[in-house]
Amino acid sequence: RKRAAGGSVTSDDIAELTILQKGKCAYCRVKITRSNRHVDHIIPLALGGHSDRSNIQILCNSCNLSKGSKHPLDFVRSLGGLL
């Protein structure tokens, strides 16, 4: 899936995204550390997402494992964020 999705993300992209997100998980806002940092595809590859910077966010391990391959709107709804 990654190969077919195209695009690429560098370690510099990940570092910059972490700064843009103020070092916090995009969903729960917990502080991101090296040990709990997961790089997530906003639109999962399984749903046709791609592997470039515009489709990447930094999540804590708990949020990323909970999100799985859900669409971001479905995931936020599951958290009670959208009706």
C-alpha atoms as a PDB file:
ATOM      1  CA  ARG A   1       0.000   0.000   0.000  1.00  0.00           C
ATOM      2  CA  LYS A   2       2.785   2.445   0.881  1.00  0.00           C
ATOM      3  CA  ARG A   3       4.464   1.973  -2.478  1.00  0.00           C
ATOM      4  CA  ALA A   4       1.207   2.324  -4.386  1.00  0.00           C
ATOM      5  CA  ALA A   5       0.217   5.440  -2.409  1.00  0.00           C
ATOM      6  CA  GLY A   6       3.248   7.414  -3.567  1.00  0.00           C
ATOM      7  CA  GLY A   7       4.863  10.342  -1.818  1.00  0.00           C
ATOM      8  CA  SER A   8       7.416  10.382   0.956  1.00  0.00           C
ATOM      9  CA  VAL A   9       7.986  11.874   4.377  1.00  0.00           C
ATOM     10  CA  THR A  10      11.410  12.761   5.753  1.00  0.00           C
ATOM     11  CA  SER A  11      12.638  12.949   9.323  1.00  0.00           C
ATOM     12  CA  ASP A  12      12.782  16.728   8.830  1.00  0.00           C
ATOM     13  CA  ASP A  13       9.076  16.693   7.931  1.00  0.00           C
ATOM     14  CA  ILE A  14       8.282  14.775  11.118  1.00  0.00           C
ATOM     15  CA  ALA A  15      10.368  17.167  13.229  1.00  0.00           C
ATOM     16  CA  GLU A  16       8.647  20.179  11.656  1.00  0.00           C
ATOM     17  CA  LEU A  17       5.170  18.679  12.150  1.00  0.00           C
ATOM     18  CA  THR A  18       5.991  18.026  15.802  1.00  0.00           C
ATOM     19  CA  ILE A  19       6.890  21.711  16.192  1.00  0.00           C
ATOM     20  CA  LEU A  20       3.755  22.844  14.325  1.00  0.00           C
ATOM     21  CA  GLN A  21       1.654  20.654  16.633  1.00  0.00           C
ATOM     22  CA  LYS A  22       3.473  22.210  19.605  1.00  0.00           C
ATOM     23  CA  GLY A  23       4.786  18.801  20.659  1.00  0.00           C
ATOM     24  CA  LYS A  24       1.284  17.458  21.302  1.00  0.00           C
ATOM     25  CA  CYS A  25      -0.883  14.701  19.884  1.00  0.00           C
ATOM     26  CA  ALA A  26      -3.189  16.012  17.158  1.00  0.00           C
ATOM     27  CA  TYR A  27      -6.219  14.427  18.870  1.00  0.00           C
ATOM     28  CA  CYS A  28      -5.838  14.216  22.654  1.00  0.00           C
ATOM     29  CA  ARG A  29      -3.151  16.920  23.003  1.00  0.00           C
ATOM     30  CA  VAL A  30      -0.962  14.785  25.312  1.00  0.00           C
ATOM     31  CA  LYS A  31       2.745  15.668  25.183  1.00  0.00           C
ATOM     32  CA  ILE A  32       4.574  13.736  22.472  1.00  0.00           C
ATOM     33  CA  THR A  33       7.845  12.046  23.409  1.00  0.00           C
ATOM     34  CA  ARG A  34      10.120   9.803  21.396  1.00  0.00           C
ATOM     35  CA  SER A  35       8.681   6.787  23.215  1.00  0.00           C
ATOM     36  CA  ASN A  36       5.010   7.587  22.514  1.00  0.00           C
ATOM     37  CA  ARG A  37       5.295   9.219  19.069  1.00  0.00           C
ATOM     38  CA  HIS A  38       3.504   7.659  16.120  1.00  0.00           C
ATOM     39  CA  VAL A  39       3.459   9.073  12.600  1.00  0.00           C
ATOM     40  CA  ASP A  40      -0.100   8.683  11.302  1.00  0.00           C
ATOM     41  CA  HIS A  41      -1.671   8.964   7.862  1.00  0.00           C
ATOM     42  CA  ILE A  42      -4.613  11.354   8.301  1.00  0.00           C
ATOM     43  CA  ILE A  43      -6.492   9.532   5.540  1.00  0.00           C
ATOM     44  CA  PRO A  44      -5.326   5.928   6.005  1.00  0.00           C
ATOM     45  CA  LEU A  45      -3.640   4.172   3.101  1.00  0.00           C
ATOM     46  CA  ALA A  46      -6.418   1.564   3.300  1.00  0.00           C
ATOM     47  CA  LEU A  47      -8.900   4.333   2.441  1.00  0.00           C
ATOM     48  CA  GLY A  48      -6.873   5.734  -0.446  1.00  0.00           C
ATOM     49  CA  GLY A  49      -4.622   8.125   1.485  1.00  0.00           C
ATOM     50  CA  HIS A  50      -1.123   8.935   0.323  1.00  0.00           C
ATOM     51  CA  SER A  51       2.290   9.049   1.947  1.00  0.00           C
ATOM     52  CA  ASP A  52       3.264  12.685   1.695  1.00  0.00           C
ATOM     53  CA  ARG A  53       3.546  15.401   4.269  1.00  0.00           C
ATOM     54  CA  SER A  54       0.074  16.854   3.649  1.00  0.00           C
ATOM     55  CA  ASN A  55      -1.452  13.564   4.844  1.00  0.00           C
ATOM     56  CA  ILE A  56       0.707  13.052   7.937  1.00  0.00           C
ATOM     57  CA  GLN A  57       0.124  13.982  11.574  1.00  0.00           C
ATOM     58  CA  ILE A  58       1.833  13.113  14.832  1.00  0.00           C
ATOM     59  CA  LEU A  59      -0.209  11.129  17.345  1.00  0.00           C
ATOM     60  CA  CYS A  60       0.458   9.516  20.691  1.00  0.00           C
ATOM     61  CA  ASN A  61       0.575   5.729  20.584  1.00  0.00           C
ATOM     62  CA  SER A  62      -2.818   5.409  22.278  1.00  0.00           C
ATOM     63  CA  CYS A  63      -4.656   7.601  19.742  1.00  0.00           C
ATOM     64  CA  ASN A  64      -2.895   6.025  16.767  1.00  0.00           C
ATOM     65  CA  LEU A  65      -3.661   2.485  17.889  1.00  0.00           C
ATOM     66  CA  SER A  66      -7.288   3.461  18.576  1.00  0.00           C
ATOM     67  CA  LYS A  67      -7.638   5.211  15.219  1.00  0.00           C
ATOM     68  CA  GLY A  68      -6.318   2.315  13.191  1.00  0.00           C
ATOM     69  CA  SER A  69      -7.572   2.641   9.609  1.00  0.00           C
ATOM     70  CA  LYS A  70     -10.641   4.710  10.481  1.00  0.00           C
ATOM     71  CA  HIS A  71     -11.429   7.857   8.513  1.00  0.00           C
ATOM     72  CA  PRO A  72     -10.467  10.885  10.670  1.00  0.00           C
ATOM     73  CA  LEU A  73     -14.080  12.089  10.919  1.00  0.00           C
ATOM     74  CA  ASP A  74     -15.248   8.661  12.063  1.00  0.00           C
ATOM     75  CA  PHE A  75     -12.466   8.564  14.648  1.00  0.00           C
ATOM     76  CA  VAL A  76     -13.318  12.013  16.028  1.00  0.00           C
ATOM     77  CA  ARG A  77     -16.979  10.966  16.229  1.00  0.00           C
ATOM     78  CA  SER A  78     -15.952   7.882  18.194  1.00  0.00           C
ATOM     79  CA  LEU A  79     -14.258  10.229  20.666  1.00  0.00           C
ATOM     80  CA  GLY A  80     -17.464  12.261  20.989  1.00  0.00           C
ATOM     81  CA  GLY A  81     -16.006  15.202  19.104  1.00  0.00           C
ATOM     82  CA  LEU A  82     -18.531  15.472  16.255  1.00  0.00           C
ATOM     83  CA  LEU A  83     -22.176  14.543  16.004  1.00  0.00           C
END
